[in-house]
Amino acid sequence: MSYIWTAAFLSAMLSSAVCNVQFKNPTDVFQPLATMTNDRNANIDKLYVAMDKRGVVEGIRFLPGGSPCPADFTNAQISSPDGANLENDEHKPIMLHANFNPNSNQTAFVVDYLSNGLWGTYKTCRAEVVRDSKGVWHLINTYTNTPVTHLSVKTWTLGISTIDGICPTN
């Protein structure tokens, strides 16, 4: 019997360590913000706003397509200069930055992406995350002032060329 409890404990410890689960409260709510795809595979990634039961934003949850493991980023992480490294890659191809204030219904949402891996050059796109009168958060393209539910990462040989949905079109 103790073997079962030991196995369950180790499994829980390993899954939260490997999966980077920060939001463990059973009353946490994960509201869908946007889906993401790229032109290199068929995966559909998902971004969520993580909130406590009172609706206070705790951070962002990223669920990579094809993976059962979410990556949770607390407000402290996404508001830090490094932001949230979505790909958990040493090259940091996509970094999210935001600063959710519990007293505000909107926040700037900045995405830095690696446009040239050879030179380590990044580009930036800006958006907003806005809460409506019903308490639902929406990603807004600030260049067109339109809601966005899907982001499409376009790549080229040395990096990312753009992120359709929030980056301006040339």
N, C-alpha and C. Protein backbone atom coordinates (compact mmCIF):
# COMPACT_ATOMS: atom_id res chain seq x y z
N MET A 1 0.82 -1.20 0.00
CA MET A 1 0.00 0.00 0.00
C MET A 1 0.87 1.26 0.00
N SER A 2 1.96 1.25 0.78
CA SER A 2 2.82 2.43 0.82
C SER A 2 3.49 2.66 -0.52
N TYR A 3 3.68 1.59 -1.31
CA TYR A 3 4.25 1.73 -2.65
C TYR A 3 3.36 2.61 -3.53
N ILE A 4 2.05 2.40 -3.45
CA ILE A 4 1.11 3.17 -4.26
C ILE A 4 1.20 4.66 -3.90
N TRP A 5 1.24 4.97 -2.60
CA TRP A 5 1.33 6.37 -2.18
C TRP A 5 2.66 6.98 -2.59
N THR A 6 3.75 6.21 -2.49
CA THR A 6 5.06 6.70 -2.90
C THR A 6 5.08 6.97 -4.39
N ALA A 7 4.53 6.05 -5.18
CA ALA A 7 4.47 6.23 -6.63
C ALA A 7 3.62 7.44 -6.99
N ALA A 8 2.49 7.60 -6.32
CA ALA A 8 1.62 8.76 -6.60
C ALA A 8 2.33 10.06 -6.24
N PHE A 9 3.02 10.08 -5.10
CA PHE A 9 3.74 11.27 -4.68
C PHE A 9 4.85 11.62 -5.68
N LEU A 10 5.65 10.62 -6.06
CA LEU A 10 6.73 10.86 -7.02
C LEU A 10 6.17 11.31 -8.37
N SER A 11 5.08 10.71 -8.79
CA SER A 11 4.46 11.10 -10.05
C SER A 11 4.00 12.55 -10.01
N ALA A 12 3.37 12.94 -8.92
CA ALA A 12 2.91 14.33 -8.77
C ALA A 12 4.10 15.29 -8.74
N MET A 13 5.14 14.92 -8.03
CA MET A 13 6.33 15.79 -7.94
C MET A 13 6.98 15.93 -9.31
N LEU A 14 7.12 14.83 -10.03
CA LEU A 14 7.77 14.88 -11.33
C LEU A 14 6.93 15.64 -12.34
N SER A 15 5.61 15.42 -12.34
CA SER A 15 4.79 16.10 -13.32
C SER A 15 4.78 17.60 -13.09
N SER A 16 4.75 18.07 -11.86
CA SER A 16 4.75 19.52 -11.65
C SER A 16 6.12 20.11 -11.90
N ALA A 17 7.19 19.35 -11.70
CA ALA A 17 8.53 19.87 -11.98
C ALA A 17 8.76 19.93 -13.48
N VAL A 18 8.40 18.86 -14.19
CA VAL A 18 8.60 18.80 -15.63
C VAL A 18 7.63 19.74 -16.34
N CYS A 19 6.43 19.82 -15.84
CA CYS A 19 5.40 20.61 -16.51
C CYS A 19 5.40 22.08 -16.11
N ASN A 20 6.19 22.48 -15.15
CA ASN A 20 6.24 23.88 -14.71
C ASN A 20 4.87 24.37 -14.27
N VAL A 21 4.16 23.58 -13.50
CA VAL A 21 2.84 23.96 -13.02
C VAL A 21 3.00 24.87 -11.80
N GLN A 22 2.53 26.10 -11.92
CA GLN A 22 2.58 27.07 -10.84
C GLN A 22 1.22 27.22 -10.16
N PHE A 23 0.16 27.04 -10.93
CA PHE A 23 -1.19 27.28 -10.43
C PHE A 23 -1.81 25.94 -10.05
N LYS A 24 -1.74 25.60 -8.76
CA LYS A 24 -2.15 24.28 -8.30
C LYS A 24 -3.44 24.30 -7.49
N ASN A 25 -3.99 25.47 -7.24
CA ASN A 25 -5.21 25.56 -6.46
C ASN A 25 -6.37 25.00 -7.29
N PRO A 26 -7.15 24.07 -6.74
CA PRO A 26 -8.25 23.49 -7.52
C PRO A 26 -9.32 24.50 -7.92
N THR A 27 -9.34 25.67 -7.28
CA THR A 27 -10.33 26.68 -7.65
C THR A 27 -9.81 27.66 -8.70
N ASP A 28 -8.56 27.48 -9.14
CA ASP A 28 -8.03 28.35 -10.20
C ASP A 28 -8.84 28.18 -11.47
N VAL A 29 -8.98 29.26 -12.21
CA VAL A 29 -9.74 29.27 -13.46
C VAL A 29 -8.78 29.62 -14.59
N PHE A 30 -8.88 28.89 -15.70
CA PHE A 30 -8.03 29.15 -16.86
C PHE A 30 -8.93 29.55 -18.02
N GLN A 31 -8.93 30.84 -18.31
CA GLN A 31 -9.78 31.37 -19.36
C GLN A 31 -9.01 31.43 -20.67
N PRO A 32 -9.53 30.82 -21.75
CA PRO A 32 -8.83 30.84 -23.04
C PRO A 32 -8.61 32.28 -23.52
N LEU A 33 -7.39 32.55 -23.96
CA LEU A 33 -7.06 33.87 -24.50
C LEU A 33 -6.83 33.80 -26.00
N ALA A 34 -6.03 32.84 -26.46
CA ALA A 34 -5.75 32.70 -27.90
C ALA A 34 -5.15 31.33 -28.17
N THR A 35 -5.29 30.90 -29.41
CA THR A 35 -4.57 29.72 -29.88
C THR A 35 -3.39 30.21 -30.71
N MET A 36 -2.38 29.37 -30.83
CA MET A 36 -1.19 29.71 -31.62
C MET A 36 -0.81 28.53 -32.49
N THR A 37 -0.45 28.82 -33.73
CA THR A 37 0.11 27.81 -34.63
C THR A 37 1.37 28.39 -35.24
N ASN A 38 2.12 27.53 -35.92
CA ASN A 38 3.28 28.00 -36.66
C ASN A 38 3.37 27.22 -37.96
N ASP A 39 4.24 27.68 -38.84
CA ASP A 39 4.35 27.05 -40.16
C ASP A 39 5.35 25.90 -40.20
N ARG A 40 5.80 25.43 -39.03
CA ARG A 40 6.77 24.33 -38.99
C ARG A 40 6.17 23.01 -38.54
N ASN A 41 4.99 23.05 -37.91
CA ASN A 41 4.32 21.80 -37.52
C ASN A 41 2.83 22.05 -37.42
N ALA A 42 2.07 21.01 -37.15
CA ALA A 42 0.61 21.11 -37.10
C ALA A 42 0.07 21.33 -35.69
N ASN A 43 0.93 21.55 -34.71
CA ASN A 43 0.49 21.72 -33.33
C ASN A 43 -0.34 22.98 -33.16
N ILE A 44 -1.32 22.90 -32.27
CA ILE A 44 -2.10 24.06 -31.88
C ILE A 44 -1.82 24.31 -30.40
N ASP A 45 -1.09 25.40 -30.13
CA ASP A 45 -0.77 25.80 -28.76
C ASP A 45 -1.91 26.66 -28.22
N LYS A 46 -2.04 26.73 -26.91
CA LYS A 46 -3.12 27.52 -26.31
C LYS A 46 -2.57 28.41 -25.21
N LEU A 47 -3.03 29.65 -25.20
CA LEU A 47 -2.71 30.62 -24.14
C LEU A 47 -3.96 30.85 -23.31
N TYR A 48 -3.77 30.85 -21.99
CA TYR A 48 -4.87 31.09 -21.06
C TYR A 48 -4.49 32.18 -20.09
N VAL A 49 -5.48 32.91 -19.60
CA VAL A 49 -5.29 33.80 -18.46
C VAL A 49 -5.63 32.96 -17.23
N ALA A 50 -4.70 32.89 -16.27
CA ALA A 50 -4.90 32.13 -15.05
C ALA A 50 -5.41 33.07 -13.97
N MET A 51 -6.55 32.72 -13.37
CA MET A 51 -7.17 33.57 -12.34
C MET A 51 -7.52 32.74 -11.12
N ASP A 52 -7.56 33.42 -9.97
CA ASP A 52 -8.07 32.74 -8.78
C ASP A 52 -9.59 32.79 -8.81
N LYS A 53 -10.23 32.22 -7.80
CA LYS A 53 -11.69 32.13 -7.81
C LYS A 53 -12.39 33.48 -7.74
N ARG A 54 -11.66 34.54 -7.33
CA ARG A 54 -12.24 35.89 -7.29
C ARG A 54 -12.07 36.63 -8.61
N GLY A 55 -11.36 36.01 -9.57
CA GLY A 55 -11.14 36.64 -10.87
C GLY A 55 -9.87 37.48 -10.94
N VAL A 56 -9.03 37.40 -9.90
CA VAL A 56 -7.76 38.13 -9.89
C VAL A 56 -6.76 37.35 -10.73
N VAL A 57 -6.14 38.02 -11.70
CA VAL A 57 -5.19 37.35 -12.59
C VAL A 57 -3.93 36.98 -11.83
N GLU A 58 -3.56 35.70 -11.96
CA GLU A 58 -2.35 35.18 -11.32
C GLU A 58 -1.20 35.04 -12.31
N GLY A 59 -1.54 35.02 -13.61
CA GLY A 59 -0.51 34.87 -14.63
C GLY A 59 -1.06 34.31 -15.92
N ILE A 60 -0.19 33.65 -16.67
CA ILE A 60 -0.52 33.09 -17.98
C ILE A 60 -0.19 31.60 -17.96
N ARG A 61 -1.06 30.81 -18.56
CA ARG A 61 -0.78 29.38 -18.78
C ARG A 61 -0.61 29.18 -20.28
N PHE A 62 0.46 28.48 -20.64
CA PHE A 62 0.74 28.13 -22.04
C PHE A 62 0.69 26.62 -22.14
N LEU A 63 -0.15 26.11 -23.03
CA LEU A 63 -0.25 24.67 -23.24
C LEU A 63 0.22 24.38 -24.66
N PRO A 64 1.45 23.85 -24.78
CA PRO A 64 1.95 23.53 -26.12
C PRO A 64 1.14 22.41 -26.75
N GLY A 65 0.82 22.55 -28.03
CA GLY A 65 0.08 21.51 -28.73
C GLY A 65 0.83 20.20 -28.71
N GLY A 66 0.10 19.12 -28.49
CA GLY A 66 0.72 17.81 -28.45
C GLY A 66 1.38 17.48 -27.12
N SER A 67 1.26 18.35 -26.13
CA SER A 67 1.88 18.11 -24.83
C SER A 67 0.82 18.16 -23.74
N PRO A 68 0.87 17.22 -22.80
CA PRO A 68 -0.06 17.29 -21.67
C PRO A 68 0.43 18.25 -20.59
N CYS A 69 1.64 18.75 -20.75
CA CYS A 69 2.26 19.58 -19.71
C CYS A 69 2.09 21.07 -19.99
N PRO A 70 1.37 21.78 -19.13
CA PRO A 70 1.31 23.23 -19.30
C PRO A 70 2.57 23.89 -18.75
N ALA A 71 2.81 25.09 -19.22
CA ALA A 71 3.87 25.94 -18.66
C ALA A 71 3.15 27.14 -18.07
N ASP A 72 3.25 27.29 -16.76
CA ASP A 72 2.60 28.40 -16.07
C ASP A 72 3.61 29.49 -15.79
N PHE A 73 3.18 30.73 -15.99
CA PHE A 73 4.03 31.89 -15.73
C PHE A 73 3.28 32.84 -14.81
N THR A 74 3.85 33.08 -13.65
CA THR A 74 3.23 33.96 -12.67
C THR A 74 3.34 35.41 -13.12
N ASN A 75 2.58 36.28 -12.47
CA ASN A 75 2.68 37.71 -12.77
C ASN A 75 4.10 38.20 -12.59
N ALA A 76 4.79 37.72 -11.55
CA ALA A 76 6.17 38.15 -11.31
C ALA A 76 7.07 37.75 -12.48
N GLN A 77 6.85 36.57 -13.04
CA GLN A 77 7.67 36.12 -14.15
C GLN A 77 7.39 36.92 -15.42
N ILE A 78 6.11 37.11 -15.76
CA ILE A 78 5.82 37.79 -17.03
C ILE A 78 6.04 39.29 -16.96
N SER A 79 6.09 39.86 -15.75
CA SER A 79 6.38 41.29 -15.63
C SER A 79 7.87 41.57 -15.44
N SER A 80 8.67 40.51 -15.34
CA SER A 80 10.12 40.69 -15.19
C SER A 80 10.75 41.08 -16.54
N PRO A 81 11.95 41.63 -16.52
CA PRO A 81 12.62 41.98 -17.79
C PRO A 81 12.78 40.79 -18.74
N ASP A 82 12.93 39.57 -18.19
CA ASP A 82 13.07 38.39 -19.04
C ASP A 82 11.73 37.92 -19.61
N GLY A 83 10.64 38.19 -18.93
CA GLY A 83 9.33 37.76 -19.40
C GLY A 83 9.15 36.26 -19.32
N ALA A 84 8.17 35.76 -20.06
CA ALA A 84 7.84 34.34 -20.10
C ALA A 84 8.39 33.74 -21.38
N ASN A 85 9.30 32.80 -21.25
CA ASN A 85 9.91 32.11 -22.39
C ASN A 85 8.98 30.97 -22.80
N LEU A 86 8.15 31.19 -23.82
CA LEU A 86 7.13 30.21 -24.17
C LEU A 86 7.70 28.88 -24.61
N GLU A 87 8.81 28.89 -25.31
CA GLU A 87 9.35 27.65 -25.85
C GLU A 87 10.31 26.95 -24.90
N ASN A 88 10.61 27.55 -23.75
CA ASN A 88 11.55 26.98 -22.79
C ASN A 88 12.83 26.54 -23.49
N ASP A 89 13.29 27.40 -24.35
CA ASP A 89 14.44 27.14 -25.20
C ASP A 89 15.52 28.15 -24.85
N GLU A 90 16.78 27.75 -24.87
CA GLU A 90 17.86 28.66 -24.51
C GLU A 90 17.95 29.86 -25.46
N HIS A 91 17.42 29.72 -26.68
CA HIS A 91 17.47 30.83 -27.64
C HIS A 91 16.33 31.83 -27.43
N LYS A 92 15.37 31.46 -26.61
CA LYS A 92 14.23 32.32 -26.27
C LYS A 92 13.55 32.88 -27.52
N PRO A 93 12.96 32.01 -28.34
CA PRO A 93 12.36 32.49 -29.59
C PRO A 93 11.13 33.39 -29.40
N ILE A 94 10.33 33.13 -28.37
CA ILE A 94 9.14 33.96 -28.13
C ILE A 94 9.06 34.25 -26.64
N MET A 95 9.07 35.55 -26.31
CA MET A 95 9.00 36.00 -24.93
C MET A 95 7.76 36.89 -24.75
N LEU A 96 6.95 36.60 -23.74
CA LEU A 96 5.78 37.41 -23.43
C LEU A 96 6.06 38.30 -22.23
N HIS A 97 5.55 39.51 -22.29
CA HIS A 97 5.68 40.46 -21.18
C HIS A 97 4.30 41.08 -20.93
N ALA A 98 3.91 41.13 -19.68
CA ALA A 98 2.67 41.79 -19.28
C ALA A 98 2.77 42.11 -17.80
N ASN A 99 1.92 43.02 -17.35
CA ASN A 99 1.90 43.38 -15.94
C ASN A 99 0.44 43.54 -15.52
N PHE A 100 -0.16 42.42 -15.12
CA PHE A 100 -1.57 42.44 -14.72
C PHE A 100 -1.72 43.10 -13.36
N ASN A 101 -2.51 44.15 -13.31
CA ASN A 101 -2.80 44.87 -12.08
C ASN A 101 -4.19 44.44 -11.62
N PRO A 102 -4.35 43.98 -10.38
CA PRO A 102 -5.67 43.53 -9.93
C PRO A 102 -6.73 44.62 -9.97
N ASN A 103 -6.32 45.88 -10.00
CA ASN A 103 -7.28 46.99 -10.01
C ASN A 103 -7.55 47.53 -11.40
N SER A 104 -7.05 46.86 -12.43
CA SER A 104 -7.21 47.35 -13.79
C SER A 104 -7.86 46.29 -14.67
N ASN A 105 -8.58 46.73 -15.67
CA ASN A 105 -9.22 45.82 -16.62
C ASN A 105 -8.47 45.73 -17.93
N GLN A 106 -7.23 46.22 -17.96
CA GLN A 106 -6.43 46.07 -19.16
C GLN A 106 -4.95 46.14 -18.82
N THR A 107 -4.15 45.55 -19.70
CA THR A 107 -2.71 45.59 -19.53
C THR A 107 -2.04 45.50 -20.89
N ALA A 108 -0.89 46.10 -21.00
CA ALA A 108 -0.09 45.95 -22.21
C ALA A 108 0.41 44.51 -22.29
N PHE A 109 0.46 43.99 -23.49
CA PHE A 109 0.89 42.62 -23.74
C PHE A 109 1.93 42.71 -24.84
N VAL A 110 3.19 42.52 -24.48
CA VAL A 110 4.28 42.71 -25.42
C VAL A 110 4.91 41.36 -25.75
N VAL A 111 5.12 41.12 -27.04
CA VAL A 111 5.74 39.88 -27.50
C VAL A 111 7.05 40.23 -28.19
N ASP A 112 8.14 39.70 -27.66
CA ASP A 112 9.44 39.81 -28.32
C ASP A 112 9.70 38.48 -29.01
N TYR A 113 10.13 38.53 -30.27
CA TYR A 113 10.43 37.28 -30.97
C TYR A 113 11.77 37.36 -31.67
N LEU A 114 12.44 36.22 -31.73
CA LEU A 114 13.77 36.11 -32.32
C LEU A 114 13.63 36.15 -33.85
N SER A 115 13.99 37.28 -34.43
CA SER A 115 13.84 37.43 -35.88
C SER A 115 15.07 36.95 -36.64
N ASN A 116 16.23 36.94 -35.97
CA ASN A 116 17.45 36.46 -36.62
C ASN A 116 18.32 35.77 -35.57
N GLY A 117 18.28 34.45 -35.58
CA GLY A 117 19.03 33.68 -34.60
C GLY A 117 20.53 33.77 -34.79
N LEU A 118 20.98 34.05 -35.99
CA LEU A 118 22.41 34.19 -36.25
C LEU A 118 22.99 35.40 -35.52
N TRP A 119 22.27 36.50 -35.58
CA TRP A 119 22.73 37.75 -34.96
C TRP A 119 22.09 38.01 -33.60
N GLY A 120 21.12 37.18 -33.22
CA GLY A 120 20.44 37.38 -31.93
C GLY A 120 19.54 38.60 -31.93
N THR A 121 18.95 38.90 -33.07
CA THR A 121 18.10 40.09 -33.22
C THR A 121 16.65 39.75 -32.88
N TYR A 122 16.03 40.61 -32.08
CA TYR A 122 14.63 40.45 -31.72
C TYR A 122 13.79 41.58 -32.30
N LYS A 123 12.53 41.28 -32.57
CA LYS A 123 11.53 42.30 -32.93
C LYS A 123 10.43 42.24 -31.88
N THR A 124 9.67 43.31 -31.82
CA THR A 124 8.62 43.42 -30.80
C THR A 124 7.29 43.75 -31.43
N CYS A 125 6.25 43.10 -30.93
CA CYS A 125 4.87 43.43 -31.29
C CYS A 125 4.12 43.74 -30.00
N ARG A 126 3.23 44.70 -30.08
CA ARG A 126 2.48 45.12 -28.90
C ARG A 126 0.99 44.84 -29.10
N ALA A 127 0.39 44.41 -28.01
CA ALA A 127 -1.05 44.15 -27.99
C ALA A 127 -1.55 44.58 -26.61
N GLU A 128 -2.82 44.39 -26.37
CA GLU A 128 -3.39 44.63 -25.05
C GLU A 128 -4.25 43.44 -24.68
N VAL A 129 -4.35 43.21 -23.39
CA VAL A 129 -5.30 42.23 -22.87
C VAL A 129 -6.31 43.05 -22.07
N VAL A 130 -7.58 42.92 -22.46
CA VAL A 130 -8.65 43.75 -21.90
C VAL A 130 -9.75 42.86 -21.35
N ARG A 131 -10.24 43.23 -20.15
CA ARG A 131 -11.36 42.50 -19.54
C ARG A 131 -12.65 43.26 -19.83
N ASP A 132 -13.65 42.54 -20.36
CA ASP A 132 -14.92 43.19 -20.67
C ASP A 132 -15.82 43.25 -19.44
N SER A 133 -17.01 43.79 -19.60
CA SER A 133 -17.93 44.00 -18.47
C SER A 133 -18.42 42.68 -17.85
N LYS A 134 -18.28 41.57 -18.57
CA LYS A 134 -18.67 40.26 -18.05
C LYS A 134 -17.50 39.54 -17.37
N GLY A 135 -16.33 40.19 -17.33
CA GLY A 135 -15.17 39.59 -16.68
C GLY A 135 -14.32 38.71 -17.59
N VAL A 136 -14.61 38.74 -18.89
CA VAL A 136 -13.89 37.91 -19.85
C VAL A 136 -12.72 38.71 -20.44
N TRP A 137 -11.53 38.08 -20.45
CA TRP A 137 -10.33 38.73 -21.00
C TRP A 137 -10.24 38.48 -22.50
N HIS A 138 -9.78 39.50 -23.24
CA HIS A 138 -9.61 39.41 -24.69
C HIS A 138 -8.25 39.96 -25.08
N LEU A 139 -7.63 39.33 -26.07
CA LEU A 139 -6.40 39.84 -26.65
C LEU A 139 -6.78 40.80 -27.77
N ILE A 140 -6.22 42.00 -27.73
CA ILE A 140 -6.55 43.04 -28.70
C ILE A 140 -5.31 43.44 -29.49
N ASN A 141 -5.42 43.42 -30.82
CA ASN A 141 -4.36 43.91 -31.69
C ASN A 141 -4.40 45.44 -31.60
N THR A 142 -3.36 46.05 -31.06
CA THR A 142 -3.36 47.50 -30.87
C THR A 142 -3.12 48.26 -32.16
N TYR A 143 -2.63 47.59 -33.19
CA TYR A 143 -2.40 48.26 -34.47
C TYR A 143 -3.70 48.43 -35.25
N THR A 144 -4.64 47.47 -35.05
CA THR A 144 -5.93 47.53 -35.76
C THR A 144 -7.10 47.71 -34.81
N ASN A 145 -6.83 47.64 -33.50
CA ASN A 145 -7.86 47.75 -32.46
C ASN A 145 -8.96 46.70 -32.63
N THR A 146 -8.54 45.47 -32.95
CA THR A 146 -9.49 44.38 -33.14
C THR A 146 -9.15 43.22 -32.21
N PRO A 147 -10.16 42.48 -31.76
CA PRO A 147 -9.90 41.29 -30.94
C PRO A 147 -9.19 40.21 -31.76
N VAL A 148 -8.34 39.46 -31.08
CA VAL A 148 -7.57 38.39 -31.72
C VAL A 148 -7.78 37.11 -30.92
N THR A 149 -8.13 36.04 -31.61
CA THR A 149 -8.27 34.76 -30.94
C THR A 149 -7.25 33.73 -31.42
N HIS A 150 -6.52 34.08 -32.49
CA HIS A 150 -5.52 33.16 -33.04
C HIS A 150 -4.27 33.91 -33.48
N LEU A 151 -3.11 33.36 -33.11
CA LEU A 151 -1.82 33.89 -33.53
C LEU A 151 -1.15 32.86 -34.42
N SER A 152 -0.54 33.32 -35.50
CA SER A 152 0.14 32.42 -36.43
C SER A 152 1.59 32.86 -36.57
N VAL A 153 2.49 32.02 -36.08
CA VAL A 153 3.92 32.34 -36.13
C VAL A 153 4.46 31.95 -37.49
N LYS A 154 5.02 32.92 -38.20
CA LYS A 154 5.62 32.71 -39.53
C LYS A 154 7.13 32.71 -39.37
N THR A 155 7.77 31.68 -39.87
CA THR A 155 9.22 31.54 -39.69
C THR A 155 9.96 31.67 -41.02
N TRP A 156 11.25 31.82 -40.89
CA TRP A 156 12.15 31.75 -42.04
C TRP A 156 13.39 31.00 -41.57
N THR A 157 14.35 30.83 -42.39
CA THR A 157 15.51 30.00 -42.09
C THR A 157 16.18 30.34 -40.77
N LEU A 158 16.33 31.62 -40.44
CA LEU A 158 17.09 32.03 -39.26
C LEU A 158 16.25 32.49 -38.08
N GLY A 159 14.92 32.36 -38.17
CA GLY A 159 14.12 32.80 -37.04
C GLY A 159 12.65 32.97 -37.39
N ILE A 160 12.04 33.94 -36.73
CA ILE A 160 10.62 34.23 -36.92
C ILE A 160 10.50 35.50 -37.74
N SER A 161 9.69 35.46 -38.79
CA SER A 161 9.52 36.65 -39.62
C SER A 161 8.41 37.56 -39.10
N THR A 162 7.35 36.98 -38.54
CA THR A 162 6.27 37.78 -37.97
C THR A 162 5.33 36.87 -37.16
N ILE A 163 4.45 37.48 -36.42
CA ILE A 163 3.39 36.75 -35.73
C ILE A 163 2.07 37.38 -36.17
N ASP A 164 1.43 36.70 -37.14
CA ASP A 164 0.14 37.20 -37.64
C ASP A 164 -0.88 37.21 -36.52
N GLY A 165 -1.64 38.27 -36.47
CA GLY A 165 -2.67 38.43 -35.45
C GLY A 165 -2.36 39.61 -34.54
N ILE A 166 -1.08 39.78 -34.18
CA ILE A 166 -0.74 40.92 -33.31
C ILE A 166 0.35 41.81 -33.86
N CYS A 167 1.11 41.34 -34.84
CA CYS A 167 2.16 42.18 -35.40
C CYS A 167 1.61 42.96 -36.59
N PRO A 168 2.10 44.17 -36.81
CA PRO A 168 1.61 44.94 -37.95
C PRO A 168 2.01 44.28 -39.26
N THR A 169 1.15 44.42 -40.25
CA THR A 169 1.49 43.90 -41.57
C THR A 169 2.23 44.99 -42.34
N ASN A 170 3.20 44.58 -43.10
CA ASN A 170 4.01 45.57 -43.87
C ASN A 170 3.39 45.88 -45.20
